[in-house]
Amino acid sequence: VLTAPAVWRSPDGRAWDFVANDSGVAGYRVVTEAGGRFRLDRVWLDGSGGSTPVIKEGVLYVARGGEMRALNPSTGSLLWRSTDIGDIHWQYPMVADHRLFITDQSGRLFAYSLPK
């Protein structure tokens, strides 16, 4: 995996890890076993692929060539998508001040307003 994972603590206090690559995006719940050992249980897999994911205010954002997606981090279900962006390679979304930013291979910058 060449992308960086994103981590999140759900409203019920559980820790999650999200990874993405060309094969898909997956949500893993961190489970504590007896004796204090940890393991990752895959809860969902979206086989459409993506870049390094980011999470903000309980929404997981993932980009892939030609598409920016917002996913429910607990289920992987699609909340919204935009097909405004062009091809991407190493680009990934960034969040600042309730805005989601990404560039594409053409050097264009896209900004999306996020709920406050």
C-alpha atoms as a PDB file:
ATOM      1  CA  VAL A   1       0.000   0.000   0.000  1.00  0.00           C
ATOM      2  CA  LEU A   2       1.568   3.278  -1.104  1.00  0.00           C
ATOM      3  CA  THR A   3      -1.108   5.477   0.405  1.00  0.00           C
ATOM      4  CA  ALA A   4      -1.309   6.598   4.022  1.00  0.00           C
ATOM      5  CA  PRO A   5      -4.094   5.307   6.266  1.00  0.00           C
ATOM      6  CA  ALA A   6      -6.654   7.512   7.989  1.00  0.00           C
ATOM      7  CA  VAL A   7      -7.815   6.851  11.540  1.00  0.00           C
ATOM      8  CA  TRP A   8     -11.058   7.771  13.285  1.00  0.00           C
ATOM      9  CA  ARG A   9     -12.795   7.313  16.609  1.00  0.00           C
ATOM     10  CA  SER A  10     -16.483   6.676  15.993  1.00  0.00           C
ATOM     11  CA  PRO A  11     -19.203   8.211  18.199  1.00  0.00           C
ATOM     12  CA  ASP A  12     -19.417   4.901  20.120  1.00  0.00           C
ATOM     13  CA  GLY A  13     -15.710   5.233  21.010  1.00  0.00           C
ATOM     14  CA  ARG A  14     -14.363   2.540  18.678  1.00  0.00           C
ATOM     15  CA  ALA A  15     -11.131   3.120  16.779  1.00  0.00           C
ATOM     16  CA  TRP A  16     -11.126   2.657  12.996  1.00  0.00           C
ATOM     17  CA  ASP A  17      -8.431   2.505  10.320  1.00  0.00           C
ATOM     18  CA  PHE A  18      -9.048   3.211   6.620  1.00  0.00           C
ATOM     19  CA  VAL A  19      -6.727   2.197   3.800  1.00  0.00           C
ATOM     20  CA  ALA A  20      -6.997   2.704   0.065  1.00  0.00           C
ATOM     21  CA  ASN A  21      -5.130   1.672  -3.060  1.00  0.00           C
ATOM     22  CA  ASP A  22      -5.947   0.852  -6.683  1.00  0.00           C
ATOM     23  CA  SER A  23      -7.798  -2.291  -5.569  1.00  0.00           C
ATOM     24  CA  GLY A  24     -10.210  -0.616  -3.180  1.00  0.00           C
ATOM     25  CA  VAL A  25     -10.939   1.297  -0.003  1.00  0.00           C
ATOM     26  CA  ALA A  26     -11.456  -0.630   3.232  1.00  0.00           C
ATOM     27  CA  GLY A  27     -12.694   0.191   6.715  1.00  0.00           C
ATOM     28  CA  TYR A  28     -11.160  -1.759   9.595  1.00  0.00           C
ATOM     29  CA  ARG A  29     -12.360  -1.642  13.179  1.00  0.00           C
ATOM     30  CA  VAL A  30      -9.686  -1.972  15.877  1.00  0.00           C
ATOM     31  CA  VAL A  31     -10.624  -4.815  18.241  1.00  0.00           C
ATOM     32  CA  THR A  32      -8.988  -5.446  21.615  1.00  0.00           C
ATOM     33  CA  GLU A  33      -8.598  -9.130  22.372  1.00  0.00           C
ATOM     34  CA  ALA A  34      -8.194 -10.795  25.741  1.00  0.00           C
ATOM     35  CA  GLY A  35      -4.740 -10.130  27.095  1.00  0.00           C
ATOM     36  CA  GLY A  36      -4.618  -6.653  25.550  1.00  0.00           C
ATOM     37  CA  ARG A  37      -3.667  -7.698  22.009  1.00  0.00           C
ATOM     38  CA  PHE A  38      -5.141  -5.762  19.113  1.00  0.00           C
ATOM     39  CA  ARG A  39      -6.359  -6.843  15.704  1.00  0.00           C
ATOM     40  CA  LEU A  40      -8.030  -5.180  12.728  1.00  0.00           C
ATOM     41  CA  ASP A  41     -11.383  -6.562  11.582  1.00  0.00           C
ATOM     42  CA  ARG A  42     -12.374  -5.541   8.080  1.00  0.00           C
ATOM     43  CA  VAL A  43     -15.960  -4.260   8.263  1.00  0.00           C
ATOM     44  CA  TRP A  44     -16.380  -3.103   4.661  1.00  0.00           C
ATOM     45  CA  LEU A  45     -14.597  -3.001   1.306  1.00  0.00           C
ATOM     46  CA  ASP A  46     -15.326  -0.679  -1.604  1.00  0.00           C
ATOM     47  CA  GLY A  47     -13.634  -2.178  -4.651  1.00  0.00           C
ATOM     48  CA  SER A  48     -13.516   1.035  -6.660  1.00  0.00           C
ATOM     49  CA  GLY A  49     -10.079   2.108  -5.402  1.00  0.00           C
ATOM     50  CA  GLY A  50      -8.753   5.428  -4.275  1.00  0.00           C
ATOM     51  CA  SER A  51      -5.992   7.667  -3.012  1.00  0.00           C
ATOM     52  CA  THR A  52      -4.941   8.404   0.562  1.00  0.00           C
ATOM     53  CA  PRO A  53      -8.209   8.866   2.469  1.00  0.00           C
ATOM     54  CA  VAL A  54      -8.936  11.729   4.852  1.00  0.00           C
ATOM     55  CA  ILE A  55     -11.663  12.024   7.447  1.00  0.00           C
ATOM     56  CA  LYS A  56     -13.397  15.150   8.741  1.00  0.00           C
ATOM     57  CA  GLU A  57     -16.485  15.479  10.960  1.00  0.00           C
ATOM     58  CA  GLY A  58     -17.359  11.804  10.566  1.00  0.00           C
ATOM     59  CA  VAL A  59     -17.116  11.678   6.759  1.00  0.00           C
ATOM     60  CA  LEU A  60     -14.417   9.771   4.849  1.00  0.00           C
ATOM     61  CA  TYR A  61     -13.157  11.450   1.647  1.00  0.00           C
ATOM     62  CA  VAL A  62     -11.379   9.480  -1.079  1.00  0.00           C
ATOM     63  CA  ALA A  63     -10.379  10.466  -4.599  1.00  0.00           C
ATOM     64  CA  ARG A  64      -9.607   8.444  -7.684  1.00  0.00           C
ATOM     65  CA  GLY A  65      -9.141   9.425 -11.321  1.00  0.00           C
ATOM     66  CA  GLY A  66     -12.171  11.457 -12.346  1.00  0.00           C
ATOM     67  CA  GLU A  67     -13.994  11.221  -9.034  1.00  0.00           C
ATOM     68  CA  MET A  68     -14.100  12.585  -5.489  1.00  0.00           C
ATOM     69  CA  ARG A  69     -16.219  10.559  -3.051  1.00  0.00           C
ATOM     70  CA  ALA A  70     -17.582  11.070   0.450  1.00  0.00           C
ATOM     71  CA  LEU A  71     -18.245   7.815   2.321  1.00  0.00           C
ATOM     72  CA  ASN A  72     -19.904   6.839   5.575  1.00  0.00           C
ATOM     73  CA  PRO A  73     -16.899   5.584   7.578  1.00  0.00           C
ATOM     74  CA  SER A  74     -18.927   2.953   9.467  1.00  0.00           C
ATOM     75  CA  THR A  75     -20.461   1.318   6.401  1.00  0.00           C
ATOM     76  CA  GLY A  76     -18.520   2.497   3.345  1.00  0.00           C
ATOM     77  CA  SER A  77     -21.766   3.650   1.748  1.00  0.00           C
ATOM     78  CA  LEU A  78     -21.580   6.533  -0.687  1.00  0.00           C
ATOM     79  CA  LEU A  79     -22.805   9.877   0.699  1.00  0.00           C
ATOM     80  CA  TRP A  80     -21.963  11.982  -2.370  1.00  0.00           C
ATOM     81  CA  ARG A  81     -19.604  12.110  -5.295  1.00  0.00           C
ATOM     82  CA  SER A  82     -18.301  14.623  -7.764  1.00  0.00           C
ATOM     83  CA  THR A  83     -16.934  13.863 -11.205  1.00  0.00           C
ATOM     84  CA  ASP A  84     -15.419  17.336 -11.649  1.00  0.00           C
ATOM     85  CA  ILE A  85     -11.790  16.326 -11.139  1.00  0.00           C
ATOM     86  CA  GLY A  86      -9.568  14.878 -13.840  1.00  0.00           C
ATOM     87  CA  ASP A  87      -7.001  12.109 -13.594  1.00  0.00           C
ATOM     88  CA  ILE A  88      -4.938  11.863 -10.422  1.00  0.00           C
ATOM     89  CA  HIS A  89      -1.763   9.966  -9.603  1.00  0.00           C
ATOM     90  CA  TRP A  90      -0.248  10.894  -6.233  1.00  0.00           C
ATOM     91  CA  GLN A  91      -2.812  13.563  -5.383  1.00  0.00           C
ATOM     92  CA  TYR A  92      -5.077  13.112  -2.407  1.00  0.00           C
ATOM     93  CA  PRO A  93      -7.679  15.287  -0.702  1.00  0.00           C
ATOM     94  CA  MET A  94      -6.833  17.716   2.099  1.00  0.00           C
ATOM     95  CA  VAL A  95      -9.231  19.437   4.489  1.00  0.00           C
ATOM     96  CA  ALA A  96      -8.854  22.954   5.914  1.00  0.00           C
ATOM     97  CA  ASP A  97     -11.424  25.367   7.333  1.00  0.00           C
ATOM     98  CA  HIS A  98     -14.443  23.245   6.331  1.00  0.00           C
ATOM     99  CA  ARG A  99     -13.215  22.959   2.764  1.00  0.00           C
ATOM    100  CA  LEU A 100     -11.972  19.917   0.882  1.00  0.00           C
ATOM    101  CA  PHE A 101      -9.166  20.551  -1.619  1.00  0.00           C
ATOM    102  CA  ILE A 102      -7.586  18.415  -4.324  1.00  0.00           C
ATOM    103  CA  THR A 103      -5.537  18.998  -7.455  1.00  0.00           C
ATOM    104  CA  ASP A 104      -5.548  16.833 -10.560  1.00  0.00           C
ATOM    105  CA  GLN A 105      -2.875  15.902 -13.105  1.00  0.00           C
ATOM    106  CA  SER A 106      -3.774  18.986 -15.174  1.00  0.00           C
ATOM    107  CA  GLY A 107      -2.750  21.231 -12.275  1.00  0.00           C
ATOM    108  CA  ARG A 108      -6.300  22.361 -11.543  1.00  0.00           C
ATOM    109  CA  LEU A 109      -7.314  22.963  -7.940  1.00  0.00           C
ATOM    110  CA  PHE A 110     -10.772  21.937  -6.777  1.00  0.00           C
ATOM    111  CA  ALA A 111     -12.406  23.117  -3.548  1.00  0.00           C
ATOM    112  CA  TYR A 112     -15.590  21.737  -2.011  1.00  0.00           C
ATOM    113  CA  SER A 113     -17.458  23.338   0.889  1.00  0.00           C
ATOM    114  CA  LEU A 114     -18.073  20.973   3.796  1.00  0.00           C
ATOM    115  CA  PRO A 115     -20.839  21.221   6.384  1.00  0.00           C
ATOM    116  CA  LYS A 116     -19.909  23.032   9.576  1.00  0.00           C
END
